Amino acid sequence: QAAGIAMDAPAGDETSNETEATSAGSRYDNNSFLQGFQQSIITNISAMQQLVDSRDLNTMLDLQATIVVKERLIEADYFAHLNTDPDNLGLAAERLESARSWDTFFGKGQKQLTLDATSLSGACIARLAEAEERLQYVALFYPLALDDARRDLDRAYTESRAGARSHITPEADDASNASGSTAQLASTSAANSTLCIFHASKAKAQADVILGVLGADEQQVQRILAEKLSLARDAVAQQGAQGAFPVLGYSYYEYASDLADEDQYLALLYAEYALELSGLQEYLPHEPAAHLHHIDLRTYLPLGFAFLLGAAATLLYVQLSEDFKPGRPRREPRPAGKKR
């Protein structure tokens, strides 16, 4: 019997070894697939970033679509480089697909604006000055309530400095090479300035929300929100009627409207975003509108729905991920004491 047992043992070991080998092979195949998927996402992100940075901006729709596309690509790149965890890669892929969706708006604007590197840099500086002034004023009352706003403003300053460095034209002996380098640097400078405008606008909006609700009770906040939503809708419609539809401002308006009954403070923040981002034209050189034409906001309802889907997907990920840190790319700012 002992001999029988001894003879059976190798057969059991062989089966165990085969199982372990199969499991190891499966893990290898899975890891290999995830690594390939990760590299594919990173490659596509890089290609799209180069495409976006190389294009000239001619309309408000170009500007606002570019802002969202660049933000989505930054988020996608962040999650793609974290690791090969399927959840992170899935979110990176979703952000990349969102960037592609928003990119379809590029080139479809009507009213031509002056959106070269110089004008965008000027708008960036103007927005920075306004946001800084507003934050300093709020800091007199609630210095601890400005953490998120300060992070956005710091990001705007970072983009402004990067754009200023890119805007310096290098000297070169070869005129053709110098021309190519200058064009590339100008595109980079413009790209940095668009993000500077975006984050400075958000920082100012956060400060304005805090100022707007100082000393207000719940009923007063409801009235303030209703007024902000009305103002935002009017601003979107007015710009759209002038041929400069603020697609990003409209998306925030739609989001604010949907959140009004669920979270009035967050809705108020998004309504303020909508106002700020629907008024960017005044910071850019443009011709007076020759005439106004009617615009039906219902035309853009699918966009608002897509915006909400993307935000909902990110919110779900943030809530389920215990180690997600505030301040990472997809975090949206919030009023003091409120979490998204």
C-alpha atoms as a PDB file:
ATOM      1  CA  GLN A   1       0.000   0.000   0.000  1.00  0.00           C
ATOM      2  CA  ALA A   2       2.824   2.305   0.817  1.00  0.00           C
ATOM      3  CA  ALA A   3       4.281   1.595  -2.576  1.00  0.00           C
ATOM      4  CA  GLY A   4       0.924   2.347  -4.171  1.00  0.00           C
ATOM      5  CA  ILE A   5       0.689   5.657  -2.423  1.00  0.00           C
ATOM      6  CA  ALA A   6       4.207   6.520  -3.466  1.00  0.00           C
ATOM      7  CA  MET A   7       3.407   5.711  -7.056  1.00  0.00           C
ATOM      8  CA  ASP A   8       0.196   7.835  -7.036  1.00  0.00           C
ATOM      9  CA  ALA A   9       1.939  10.950  -5.715  1.00  0.00           C
ATOM     10  CA  PRO A  10       3.756  11.923  -8.912  1.00  0.00           C
ATOM     11  CA  ALA A  11       0.483  11.803 -10.872  1.00  0.00           C
ATOM     12  CA  GLY A  12      -1.133  14.246  -8.426  1.00  0.00           C
ATOM     13  CA  ASP A  13       1.854  16.552  -8.578  1.00  0.00           C
ATOM     14  CA  GLU A  14       1.737  16.502 -12.359  1.00  0.00           C
ATOM     15  CA  THR A  15      -1.939  17.546 -12.377  1.00  0.00           C
ATOM     16  CA  SER A  16      -1.199  20.328  -9.891  1.00  0.00           C
ATOM     17  CA  ASN A  17       1.707  21.557 -11.973  1.00  0.00           C
ATOM     18  CA  GLU A  18      -0.441  21.601 -15.095  1.00  0.00           C
ATOM     19  CA  THR A  19      -3.112  23.643 -13.286  1.00  0.00           C
ATOM     20  CA  GLU A  20      -0.537  26.129 -12.016  1.00  0.00           C
ATOM     21  CA  ALA A  21       1.008  26.404 -15.467  1.00  0.00           C
ATOM     22  CA  THR A  22      -2.398  27.047 -17.026  1.00  0.00           C
ATOM     23  CA  SER A  23      -3.176  29.684 -14.389  1.00  0.00           C
ATOM     24  CA  ALA A  24       0.191  31.355 -14.876  1.00  0.00           C
ATOM     25  CA  GLY A  25      -0.301  31.366 -18.633  1.00  0.00           C
ATOM     26  CA  SER A  26      -3.738  32.903 -18.231  1.00  0.00           C
ATOM     27  CA  ARG A  27      -2.349  35.633 -15.992  1.00  0.00           C
ATOM     28  CA  TYR A  28       0.421  36.293 -18.498  1.00  0.00           C
ATOM     29  CA  ASP A  29      -2.054  36.551 -21.376  1.00  0.00           C
ATOM     30  CA  ASN A  30      -4.273  38.893 -19.347  1.00  0.00           C
ATOM     31  CA  ASN A  31      -1.372  41.112 -18.304  1.00  0.00           C
ATOM     32  CA  SER A  32      -0.053  41.143 -21.847  1.00  0.00           C
ATOM     33  CA  PHE A  33      -3.460  42.205 -23.151  1.00  0.00           C
ATOM     34  CA  LEU A  34      -3.798  44.974 -20.543  1.00  0.00           C
ATOM     35  CA  GLN A  35      -0.314  46.279 -21.278  1.00  0.00           C
ATOM     36  CA  GLY A  36      -1.095  46.360 -24.983  1.00  0.00           C
ATOM     37  CA  PHE A  37      -4.400  48.099 -24.303  1.00  0.00           C
ATOM     38  CA  GLN A  38      -2.645  50.632 -22.081  1.00  0.00           C
ATOM     39  CA  GLN A  39      -0.052  51.393 -24.755  1.00  0.00           C
ATOM     40  CA  SER A  40      -2.752  51.762 -27.390  1.00  0.00           C
ATOM     41  CA  ILE A  41      -4.627  54.295 -25.252  1.00  0.00           C
ATOM     42  CA  ILE A  42      -1.455  56.270 -24.518  1.00  0.00           C
ATOM     43  CA  THR A  43      -0.533  56.340 -28.210  1.00  0.00           C
ATOM     44  CA  ASN A  44      -3.995  57.571 -29.207  1.00  0.00           C
ATOM     45  CA  ILE A  45      -3.967  60.229 -26.488  1.00  0.00           C
ATOM     46  CA  SER A  46      -0.593  61.535 -27.662  1.00  0.00           C
ATOM     47  CA  ALA A  47      -1.701  61.642 -31.295  1.00  0.00           C
ATOM     48  CA  MET A  48      -4.863  63.539 -30.432  1.00  0.00           C
ATOM     49  CA  GLN A  49      -2.983  65.993 -28.209  1.00  0.00           C
ATOM     50  CA  GLN A  50      -0.660  66.821 -31.089  1.00  0.00           C
ATOM     51  CA  LEU A  51      -3.597  67.283 -33.443  1.00  0.00           C
ATOM     52  CA  VAL A  52      -5.453  69.605 -31.068  1.00  0.00           C
ATOM     53  CA  ASP A  53      -2.362  71.703 -30.332  1.00  0.00           C
ATOM     54  CA  SER A  54      -1.589  72.124 -34.031  1.00  0.00           C
ATOM     55  CA  ARG A  55      -4.933  73.636 -35.027  1.00  0.00           C
ATOM     56  CA  ASP A  56      -5.852  77.296 -35.312  1.00  0.00           C
ATOM     57  CA  LEU A  57      -8.842  78.534 -33.322  1.00  0.00           C
ATOM     58  CA  ASN A  58     -11.270  80.742 -35.225  1.00  0.00           C
ATOM     59  CA  THR A  59     -14.569  80.744 -33.320  1.00  0.00           C
ATOM     60  CA  MET A  60     -15.898  80.590 -29.782  1.00  0.00           C
ATOM     61  CA  LEU A  61     -17.040  77.040 -30.476  1.00  0.00           C
ATOM     62  CA  ASP A  62     -13.470  76.150 -31.461  1.00  0.00           C
ATOM     63  CA  LEU A  63     -12.181  77.642 -28.217  1.00  0.00           C
ATOM     64  CA  GLN A  64     -14.663  75.955 -25.900  1.00  0.00           C
ATOM     65  CA  ALA A  65     -14.506  72.584 -27.638  1.00  0.00           C
ATOM     66  CA  THR A  66     -10.711  72.708 -27.442  1.00  0.00           C
ATOM     67  CA  ILE A  67     -10.826  73.459 -23.720  1.00  0.00           C
ATOM     68  CA  VAL A  68     -12.940  70.389 -23.017  1.00  0.00           C
ATOM     69  CA  VAL A  69     -10.962  68.145 -25.357  1.00  0.00           C
ATOM     70  CA  LYS A  70      -7.677  69.092 -23.712  1.00  0.00           C
ATOM     71  CA  GLU A  71      -9.098  68.568 -20.228  1.00  0.00           C
ATOM     72  CA  ARG A  72     -10.438  65.142 -21.208  1.00  0.00           C
ATOM     73  CA  LEU A  73      -7.088  64.169 -22.709  1.00  0.00           C
ATOM     74  CA  ILE A  74      -5.264  65.229 -19.550  1.00  0.00           C
ATOM     75  CA  GLU A  75      -7.617  63.081 -17.494  1.00  0.00           C
ATOM     76  CA  ALA A  76      -7.276  60.147 -19.892  1.00  0.00           C
ATOM     77  CA  ASP A  77      -3.491  60.401 -19.803  1.00  0.00           C
ATOM     78  CA  TYR A  78      -3.483  60.466 -16.009  1.00  0.00           C
ATOM     79  CA  PHE A  79      -5.541  57.302 -15.640  1.00  0.00           C
ATOM     80  CA  ALA A  80      -3.753  55.529 -18.491  1.00  0.00           C
ATOM     81  CA  HIS A  81      -0.386  56.009 -16.783  1.00  0.00           C
ATOM     82  CA  LEU A  82      -1.518  54.952 -13.293  1.00  0.00           C
ATOM     83  CA  ASN A  83      -1.203  51.206 -13.894  1.00  0.00           C
ATOM     84  CA  THR A  84      -2.815  48.417 -15.922  1.00  0.00           C
ATOM     85  CA  ASP A  85      -5.779  48.031 -13.595  1.00  0.00           C
ATOM     86  CA  PRO A  86      -8.857  47.442 -15.791  1.00  0.00           C
ATOM     87  CA  ASP A  87     -10.863  50.113 -13.945  1.00  0.00           C
ATOM     88  CA  ASN A  88      -8.236  52.784 -14.576  1.00  0.00           C
ATOM     89  CA  LEU A  89      -7.792  51.778 -18.199  1.00  0.00           C
ATOM     90  CA  GLY A  90     -11.546  51.719 -18.674  1.00  0.00           C
ATOM     91  CA  LEU A  91     -11.875  55.239 -17.321  1.00  0.00           C
ATOM     92  CA  ALA A  92      -8.944  56.379 -19.483  1.00  0.00           C
ATOM     93  CA  ALA A  93     -10.672  54.926 -22.539  1.00  0.00           C
ATOM     94  CA  GLU A  94     -13.946  56.634 -21.572  1.00  0.00           C
ATOM     95  CA  ARG A  95     -12.209  59.997 -21.188  1.00  0.00           C
ATOM     96  CA  LEU A  96     -10.508  59.549 -24.559  1.00  0.00           C
ATOM     97  CA  GLU A  97     -13.816  58.735 -26.211  1.00  0.00           C
ATOM     98  CA  SER A  98     -15.373  61.791 -24.546  1.00  0.00           C
ATOM     99  CA  ALA A  99     -12.563  63.927 -25.988  1.00  0.00           C
ATOM    100  CA  ARG A 100     -13.323  62.562 -29.443  1.00  0.00           C
ATOM    101  CA  SER A 101     -17.011  63.346 -29.035  1.00  0.00           C
ATOM    102  CA  TRP A 102     -16.329  66.933 -28.018  1.00  0.00           C
ATOM    103  CA  ASP A 103     -13.835  67.299 -30.849  1.00  0.00           C
ATOM    104  CA  THR A 104     -16.645  66.912 -33.376  1.00  0.00           C
ATOM    105  CA  PHE A 105     -17.733  70.472 -32.524  1.00  0.00           C
ATOM    106  CA  PHE A 106     -14.441  71.905 -33.748  1.00  0.00           C
ATOM    107  CA  GLY A 107     -14.755  73.885 -36.965  1.00  0.00           C
ATOM    108  CA  LYS A 108     -18.537  74.236 -36.756  1.00  0.00           C
ATOM    109  CA  GLY A 109     -18.719  77.703 -35.221  1.00  0.00           C
ATOM    110  CA  GLN A 110     -20.142  80.705 -37.043  1.00  0.00           C
ATOM    111  CA  LYS A 111     -18.770  83.986 -35.767  1.00  0.00           C
ATOM    112  CA  GLN A 112     -15.078  84.530 -36.465  1.00  0.00           C
ATOM    113  CA  LEU A 113     -12.931  85.776 -33.582  1.00  0.00           C
ATOM    114  CA  THR A 114      -9.296  86.736 -33.209  1.00  0.00           C
ATOM    115  CA  LEU A 115      -7.951  83.725 -31.333  1.00  0.00           C
ATOM    116  CA  ASP A 116      -4.231  83.815 -31.969  1.00  0.00           C
ATOM    117  CA  ALA A 117      -1.600  83.269 -29.283  1.00  0.00           C
ATOM    118  CA  THR A 118      -1.409  86.982 -28.436  1.00  0.00           C
ATOM    119  CA  SER A 119      -5.147  87.535 -27.979  1.00  0.00           C
ATOM    120  CA  LEU A 120      -5.563  84.329 -25.980  1.00  0.00           C
ATOM    121  CA  SER A 121      -2.648  85.276 -23.760  1.00  0.00           C
ATOM    122  CA  GLY A 122      -4.266  88.658 -23.139  1.00  0.00           C
ATOM    123  CA  ALA A 123      -7.545  86.990 -22.206  1.00  0.00           C
ATOM    124  CA  CYS A 124      -5.661  84.653 -19.886  1.00  0.00           C
ATOM    125  CA  ILE A 125      -3.996  87.564 -18.100  1.00  0.00           C
ATOM    126  CA  ALA A 126      -7.293  89.429 -17.760  1.00  0.00           C
ATOM    127  CA  ARG A 127      -9.041  86.375 -16.303  1.00  0.00           C
ATOM    128  CA  LEU A 128      -6.142  85.773 -13.902  1.00  0.00           C
ATOM    129  CA  ALA A 129      -6.308  89.345 -12.627  1.00  0.00           C
ATOM    130  CA  GLU A 130     -10.061  89.148 -12.022  1.00  0.00           C
ATOM    131  CA  ALA A 131      -9.865  85.772 -10.328  1.00  0.00           C
ATOM    132  CA  GLU A 132      -6.955  86.797  -8.111  1.00  0.00           C
ATOM    133  CA  GLU A 133      -8.749  89.952  -7.006  1.00  0.00           C
ATOM    134  CA  ARG A 134     -11.911  88.008  -6.209  1.00  0.00           C
ATOM    135  CA  LEU A 135     -10.085  85.303  -4.262  1.00  0.00           C
ATOM    136  CA  GLN A 136      -8.186  87.838  -2.202  1.00  0.00           C
ATOM    137  CA  TYR A 137     -11.447  89.554  -1.294  1.00  0.00           C
ATOM    138  CA  VAL A 138     -13.139  86.301  -0.252  1.00  0.00           C
ATOM    139  CA  ALA A 139     -10.046  85.348   1.749  1.00  0.00           C
ATOM    140  CA  LEU A 140     -10.754  88.287   4.053  1.00  0.00           C
ATOM    141  CA  PHE A 141     -13.882  86.462   5.249  1.00  0.00           C
ATOM    142  CA  TYR A 142     -13.336  82.749   4.600  1.00  0.00           C
ATOM    143  CA  PRO A 143      -9.679  81.990   3.865  1.00  0.00           C
ATOM    144  CA  LEU A 144     -10.138  78.244   4.407  1.00  0.00           C
ATOM    145  CA  ALA A 145     -13.006  78.014   1.918  1.00  0.00           C
ATOM    146  CA  LEU A 146     -10.805  78.690  -1.076  1.00  0.00           C
ATOM    147  CA  ASP A 147      -8.677  75.545  -1.317  1.00  0.00           C
ATOM    148  CA  ASP A 148     -10.308  74.320  -4.514  1.00  0.00           C
ATOM    149  CA  ALA A 149     -10.431  77.777  -6.051  1.00  0.00           C
ATOM    150  CA  ARG A 150      -6.777  78.334  -5.261  1.00  0.00           C
ATOM    151  CA  ARG A 151      -5.867  75.005  -6.878  1.00  0.00           C
ATOM    152  CA  ASP A 152      -7.679  76.048 -10.044  1.00  0.00           C
ATOM    153  CA  LEU A 153      -6.019  79.446 -10.006  1.00  0.00           C
ATOM    154  CA  ASP A 154      -2.594  77.889  -9.449  1.00  0.00           C
ATOM    155  CA  ARG A 155      -3.253  75.650 -12.432  1.00  0.00           C
ATOM    156  CA  ALA A 156      -4.163  78.728 -14.472  1.00  0.00           C
ATOM    157  CA  TYR A 157      -0.914  80.427 -13.454  1.00  0.00           C
ATOM    158  CA  THR A 158       1.026  77.301 -14.423  1.00  0.00           C
ATOM    159  CA  GLU A 159      -0.562  77.253 -17.871  1.00  0.00           C
ATOM    160  CA  SER A 160       0.073  80.984 -18.250  1.00  0.00           C
ATOM    161  CA  ARG A 161       3.773  80.599 -17.471  1.00  0.00           C
ATOM    162  CA  ALA A 162       4.074  77.632 -19.819  1.00  0.00           C
ATOM    163  CA  GLY A 163       2.381  79.603 -22.565  1.00  0.00           C
ATOM    164  CA  ALA A 164       4.660  82.594 -22.003  1.00  0.00           C
ATOM    165  CA  ARG A 165       7.737  80.391 -22.358  1.00  0.00           C
ATOM    166  CA  SER A 166       6.348  78.842 -25.533  1.00  0.00           C
ATOM    167  CA  HIS A 167       5.561  82.255 -26.989  1.00  0.00           C
ATOM    168  CA  ILE A 168       9.259  83.231 -27.057  1.00  0.00           C
ATOM    169  CA  THR A 169      10.449  82.873 -30.635  1.00  0.00           C
ATOM    170  CA  PRO A 170      13.831  81.109 -30.907  1.00  0.00           C
ATOM    171  CA  GLU A 171      16.512  82.531 -33.148  1.00  0.00           C
ATOM    172  CA  ALA A 172      17.520  80.262 -36.003  1.00  0.00           C
ATOM    173  CA  ASP A 173      19.717  80.607 -39.049  1.00  0.00           C
ATOM    174  CA  ASP A 174      17.464  78.579 -41.281  1.00  0.00           C
ATOM    175  CA  ALA A 175      14.441  80.760 -42.049  1.00  0.00           C
ATOM    176  CA  SER A 176      12.185  77.840 -42.902  1.00  0.00           C
ATOM    177  CA  ASN A 177      13.063  75.980 -39.731  1.00  0.00           C
ATOM    178  CA  ALA A 178      12.580  79.145 -37.715  1.00  0.00           C
ATOM    179  CA  SER A 179       9.165  79.649 -39.279  1.00  0.00           C
ATOM    180  CA  GLY A 180       8.127  76.099 -38.473  1.00  0.00           C
ATOM    181  CA  SER A 181       9.385  76.355 -34.908  1.00  0.00           C
ATOM    182  CA  THR A 182       7.605  79.655 -34.392  1.00  0.00           C
ATOM    183  CA  ALA A 183       4.312  78.253 -35.637  1.00  0.00           C
ATOM    184  CA  GLN A 184       4.633  75.221 -33.382  1.00  0.00           C
ATOM    185  CA  LEU A 185       5.469  77.342 -30.346  1.00  0.00           C
ATOM    186  CA  ALA A 186       2.583  79.700 -31.083  1.00  0.00           C
ATOM    187  CA  SER A 187       0.205  76.734 -31.162  1.00  0.00           C
ATOM    188  CA  THR A 188       1.569  75.495 -27.847  1.00  0.00           C
ATOM    189  CA  SER A 189       1.218  78.969 -26.358  1.00  0.00           C
ATOM    190  CA  ALA A 190      -2.403  79.201 -27.516  1.00  0.00           C
ATOM    191  CA  ALA A 191      -3.158  75.760 -26.081  1.00  0.00           C
ATOM    192  CA  ASN A 192      -1.754  76.762 -22.697  1.00  0.00           C
ATOM    193  CA  SER A 193      -3.714  80.008 -22.733  1.00  0.00           C
ATOM    194  CA  THR A 194      -7.019  78.227 -23.374  1.00  0.00           C
ATOM    195  CA  LEU A 195      -6.540  76.132 -20.233  1.00  0.00           C
ATOM    196  CA  CYS A 196      -5.438  79.225 -18.307  1.00  0.00           C
ATOM    197  CA  ILE A 197      -8.696  80.960 -19.283  1.00  0.00           C
ATOM    198  CA  PHE A 198     -10.729  77.916 -18.284  1.00  0.00           C
ATOM    199  CA  HIS A 199      -9.203  77.394 -14.836  1.00  0.00           C
ATOM    200  CA  ALA A 200      -9.069  81.101 -13.990  1.00  0.00           C
ATOM    201  CA  SER A 201     -12.758  81.367 -14.922  1.00  0.00           C
ATOM    202  CA  LYS A 202     -13.611  78.453 -12.660  1.00  0.00           C
ATOM    203  CA  ALA A 203     -11.605  79.918  -9.781  1.00  0.00           C
ATOM    204  CA  LYS A 204     -13.446  83.230 -10.095  1.00  0.00           C
ATOM    205  CA  ALA A 205     -16.792  81.423 -10.248  1.00  0.00           C
ATOM    206  CA  GLN A 206     -16.061  79.564  -7.017  1.00  0.00           C
ATOM    207  CA  ALA A 207     -15.211  82.799  -5.246  1.00  0.00           C
ATOM    208  CA  ASP A 208     -18.372  84.436  -6.589  1.00  0.00           C
ATOM    209  CA  VAL A 209     -20.503  81.560  -5.284  1.00  0.00           C
ATOM    210  CA  ILE A 210     -19.106  82.010  -1.783  1.00  0.00           C
ATOM    211  CA  LEU A 211     -19.722  85.757  -1.903  1.00  0.00           C
ATOM    212  CA  GLY A 212     -23.220  85.239  -3.249  1.00  0.00           C
ATOM    213  CA  VAL A 213     -24.422  83.013  -0.414  1.00  0.00           C
ATOM    214  CA  LEU A 214     -22.797  84.816   2.508  1.00  0.00           C
ATOM    215  CA  GLY A 215     -25.435  85.089   5.224  1.00  0.00           C
ATOM    216  CA  ALA A 216     -28.142  83.514   3.053  1.00  0.00           C
ATOM    217  CA  ASP A 217     -30.579  80.952   4.435  1.00  0.00           C
ATOM    218  CA  GLU A 218     -31.890  77.968   2.457  1.00  0.00           C
ATOM    219  CA  GLN A 219     -34.825  79.841   0.922  1.00  0.00           C
ATOM    220  CA  GLN A 220     -32.593  82.712  -0.117  1.00  0.00           C
ATOM    221  CA  VAL A 221     -30.147  80.260  -1.678  1.00  0.00           C
ATOM    222  CA  GLN A 222     -33.014  78.800  -3.707  1.00  0.00           C
ATOM    223  CA  ARG A 223     -33.892  82.247  -5.005  1.00  0.00           C
ATOM    224  CA  ILE A 224     -30.253  82.977  -5.791  1.00  0.00           C
ATOM    225  CA  LEU A 225     -29.999  79.706  -7.702  1.00  0.00           C
ATOM    226  CA  ALA A 226     -33.148  80.441  -9.707  1.00  0.00           C
ATOM    227  CA  GLU A 227     -31.767  83.854 -10.620  1.00  0.00           C
ATOM    228  CA  LYS A 228     -28.373  82.434 -11.606  1.00  0.00           C
ATOM    229  CA  LEU A 229     -29.991  79.789 -13.795  1.00  0.00           C
ATOM    230  CA  SER A 230     -32.064  82.447 -15.514  1.00  0.00           C
ATOM    231  CA  LEU A 231     -29.008  84.636 -16.082  1.00  0.00           C
ATOM    232  CA  ALA A 232     -26.999  81.694 -17.382  1.00  0.00           C
ATOM    233  CA  ARG A 233     -29.713  80.687 -19.812  1.00  0.00           C
ATOM    234  CA  ASP A 234     -29.996  84.255 -21.088  1.00  0.00           C
ATOM    235  CA  ALA A 235     -26.207  84.503 -21.487  1.00  0.00           C
ATOM    236  CA  VAL A 236     -26.055  81.264 -23.460  1.00  0.00           C
ATOM    237  CA  ALA A 237     -28.959  82.293 -25.686  1.00  0.00           C
ATOM    238  CA  GLN A 238     -27.541  85.777 -26.272  1.00  0.00           C
ATOM    239  CA  GLN A 239     -24.125  84.494 -27.320  1.00  0.00           C
ATOM    240  CA  GLY A 240     -25.724  81.836 -29.469  1.00  0.00           C
ATOM    241  CA  ALA A 241     -27.873  84.438 -31.200  1.00  0.00           C
ATOM    242  CA  GLN A 242     -24.682  86.315 -32.068  1.00  0.00           C
ATOM    243  CA  GLY A 243     -23.202  83.235 -33.712  1.00  0.00           C
ATOM    244  CA  ALA A 244     -20.807  82.457 -30.857  1.00  0.00           C
ATOM    245  CA  PHE A 245     -22.598  79.622 -29.092  1.00  0.00           C
ATOM    246  CA  PRO A 246     -20.801  78.866 -25.768  1.00  0.00           C
ATOM    247  CA  VAL A 247     -21.084  75.089 -25.858  1.00  0.00           C
ATOM    248  CA  LEU A 248     -19.183  74.604 -22.598  1.00  0.00           C
ATOM    249  CA  GLY A 249     -21.234  77.235 -20.798  1.00  0.00           C
ATOM    250  CA  TYR A 250     -24.393  75.557 -22.047  1.00  0.00           C
ATOM    251  CA  SER A 251     -23.239  72.167 -20.768  1.00  0.00           C
ATOM    252  CA  TYR A 252     -22.678  73.583 -17.297  1.00  0.00           C
ATOM    253  CA  TYR A 253     -26.088  75.263 -17.468  1.00  0.00           C
ATOM    254  CA  GLU A 254     -27.721  71.918 -18.268  1.00  0.00           C
ATOM    255  CA  TYR A 255     -25.838  70.241 -15.440  1.00  0.00           C
ATOM    256  CA  ALA A 256     -26.863  72.984 -12.991  1.00  0.00           C
ATOM    257  CA  SER A 257     -30.505  72.655 -14.019  1.00  0.00           C
ATOM    258  CA  ASP A 258     -30.481  68.895 -13.441  1.00  0.00           C
ATOM    259  CA  LEU A 259     -28.836  69.296 -10.029  1.00  0.00           C
ATOM    260  CA  ALA A 260     -31.133  72.074  -8.792  1.00  0.00           C
ATOM    261  CA  ASP A 261     -33.429  69.772  -6.807  1.00  0.00           C
ATOM    262  CA  GLU A 262     -30.709  67.388  -5.668  1.00  0.00           C
ATOM    263  CA  ASP A 263     -27.916  69.704  -4.520  1.00  0.00           C
ATOM    264  CA  GLN A 264     -28.605  73.420  -4.788  1.00  0.00           C
ATOM    265  CA  TYR A 265     -25.097  74.455  -3.743  1.00  0.00           C
ATOM    266  CA  LEU A 266     -23.442  72.355  -6.416  1.00  0.00           C
ATOM    267  CA  ALA A 267     -26.080  73.524  -8.889  1.00  0.00           C
ATOM    268  CA  LEU A 268     -25.245  77.105  -7.955  1.00  0.00           C
ATOM    269  CA  LEU A 269     -21.577  76.446  -8.645  1.00  0.00           C
ATOM    270  CA  TYR A 270     -22.291  75.023 -12.076  1.00  0.00           C
ATOM    271  CA  ALA A 271     -24.644  77.886 -12.877  1.00  0.00           C
ATOM    272  CA  GLU A 272     -21.812  80.261 -12.016  1.00  0.00           C
ATOM    273  CA  TYR A 273     -19.488  78.274 -14.275  1.00  0.00           C
ATOM    274  CA  ALA A 274     -22.057  78.607 -17.046  1.00  0.00           C
ATOM    275  CA  LEU A 275     -22.151  82.381 -16.600  1.00  0.00           C
ATOM    276  CA  GLU A 276     -18.383  82.772 -16.591  1.00  0.00           C
ATOM    277  CA  LEU A 277     -17.800  80.499 -19.572  1.00  0.00           C
ATOM    278  CA  SER A 278     -20.600  82.077 -21.582  1.00  0.00           C
ATOM    279  CA  GLY A 279     -19.007  85.505 -21.310  1.00  0.00           C
ATOM    280  CA  LEU A 280     -15.520  84.782 -22.618  1.00  0.00           C
ATOM    281  CA  GLN A 281     -16.132  86.671 -25.847  1.00  0.00           C
ATOM    282  CA  GLU A 282     -15.805  90.019 -24.095  1.00  0.00           C
ATOM    283  CA  TYR A 283     -12.158  89.206 -23.334  1.00  0.00           C
ATOM    284  CA  LEU A 284     -11.323  88.534 -26.982  1.00  0.00           C
ATOM    285  CA  PRO A 285     -11.099  90.872 -29.996  1.00  0.00           C
ATOM    286  CA  HIS A 286     -14.224  90.538 -32.137  1.00  0.00           C
ATOM    287  CA  GLU A 287     -16.390  92.430 -34.572  1.00  0.00           C
ATOM    288  CA  PRO A 288     -19.768  93.734 -33.328  1.00  0.00           C
ATOM    289  CA  ALA A 289     -22.608  91.418 -34.268  1.00  0.00           C
ATOM    290  CA  ALA A 290     -24.231  92.522 -37.534  1.00  0.00           C
ATOM    291  CA  HIS A 291     -27.527  90.862 -36.676  1.00  0.00           C
ATOM    292  CA  LEU A 292     -29.079  88.451 -34.256  1.00  0.00           C
ATOM    293  CA  HIS A 293     -30.700  85.184 -35.164  1.00  0.00           C
ATOM    294  CA  HIS A 294     -32.829  82.799 -33.173  1.00  0.00           C
ATOM    295  CA  ILE A 295     -31.196  79.803 -31.537  1.00  0.00           C
ATOM    296  CA  ASP A 296     -33.094  76.857 -30.110  1.00  0.00           C
ATOM    297  CA  LEU A 297     -31.286  75.453 -27.080  1.00  0.00           C
ATOM    298  CA  ARG A 298     -33.095  72.162 -27.577  1.00  0.00           C
ATOM    299  CA  THR A 299     -30.762  71.548 -30.504  1.00  0.00           C
ATOM    300  CA  TYR A 300     -27.975  70.998 -28.004  1.00  0.00           C
ATOM    301  CA  LEU A 301     -29.842  68.691 -25.625  1.00  0.00           C
ATOM    302  CA  PRO A 302     -27.921  65.591 -26.822  1.00  0.00           C
ATOM    303  CA  LEU A 303     -24.698  67.360 -25.903  1.00  0.00           C
ATOM    304  CA  GLY A 304     -25.985  68.131 -22.432  1.00  0.00           C
ATOM    305  CA  PHE A 305     -26.987  64.494 -22.036  1.00  0.00           C
ATOM    306  CA  ALA A 306     -23.527  63.331 -23.101  1.00  0.00           C
ATOM    307  CA  PHE A 307     -21.960  65.799 -20.664  1.00  0.00           C
ATOM    308  CA  LEU A 308     -24.054  64.372 -17.832  1.00  0.00           C
ATOM    309  CA  LEU A 309     -23.170  60.796 -18.741  1.00  0.00           C
ATOM    310  CA  GLY A 310     -19.465  61.581 -18.613  1.00  0.00           C
ATOM    311  CA  ALA A 311     -19.809  63.363 -15.290  1.00  0.00           C
ATOM    312  CA  ALA A 312     -21.899  60.519 -13.854  1.00  0.00           C
ATOM    313  CA  ALA A 313     -19.327  57.932 -14.893  1.00  0.00           C
ATOM    314  CA  THR A 314     -16.584  59.895 -13.198  1.00  0.00           C
ATOM    315  CA  LEU A 315     -18.631  60.452 -10.039  1.00  0.00           C
ATOM    316  CA  LEU A 316     -19.293  56.720  -9.788  1.00  0.00           C
ATOM    317  CA  TYR A 317     -15.614  55.945 -10.151  1.00  0.00           C
ATOM    318  CA  VAL A 318     -14.613  58.494  -7.516  1.00  0.00           C
ATOM    319  CA  GLN A 319     -17.153  57.159  -5.026  1.00  0.00           C
ATOM    320  CA  LEU A 320     -16.099  53.547  -5.506  1.00  0.00           C
ATOM    321  CA  SER A 321     -12.353  54.164  -5.452  1.00  0.00           C
ATOM    322  CA  GLU A 322     -11.110  54.497  -1.875  1.00  0.00           C
ATOM    323  CA  ASP A 323      -7.679  55.715  -2.823  1.00  0.00           C
ATOM    324  CA  PHE A 324      -8.783  58.440  -5.226  1.00  0.00           C
ATOM    325  CA  LYS A 325      -7.154  61.662  -4.054  1.00  0.00           C
ATOM    326  CA  PRO A 326      -8.702  65.150  -4.238  1.00  0.00           C
ATOM    327  CA  GLY A 327      -6.895  67.401  -6.660  1.00  0.00           C
ATOM    328  CA  ARG A 328      -6.374  64.732  -9.314  1.00  0.00           C
ATOM    329  CA  PRO A 329      -7.433  65.698 -12.808  1.00  0.00           C
ATOM    330  CA  ARG A 330     -11.121  64.750 -12.819  1.00  0.00           C
ATOM    331  CA  ARG A 331     -12.007  66.386  -9.496  1.00  0.00           C
ATOM    332  CA  GLU A 332     -14.528  69.153  -9.987  1.00  0.00           C
ATOM    333  CA  PRO A 333     -14.349  72.142  -7.653  1.00  0.00           C
ATOM    334  CA  ARG A 334     -17.064  72.511  -5.049  1.00  0.00           C
ATOM    335  CA  PRO A 335     -18.406  75.225  -2.739  1.00  0.00           C
ATOM    336  CA  ALA A 336     -17.036  75.242   0.774  1.00  0.00           C
ATOM    337  CA  GLY A 337     -18.263  72.291   2.772  1.00  0.00           C
ATOM    338  CA  LYS A 338     -19.820  70.516  -0.203  1.00  0.00           C
ATOM    339  CA  LYS A 339     -18.498  67.440  -1.887  1.00  0.00           C
ATOM    340  CA  ARG A 340     -19.285  66.262  -5.327  1.00  0.00           C
END
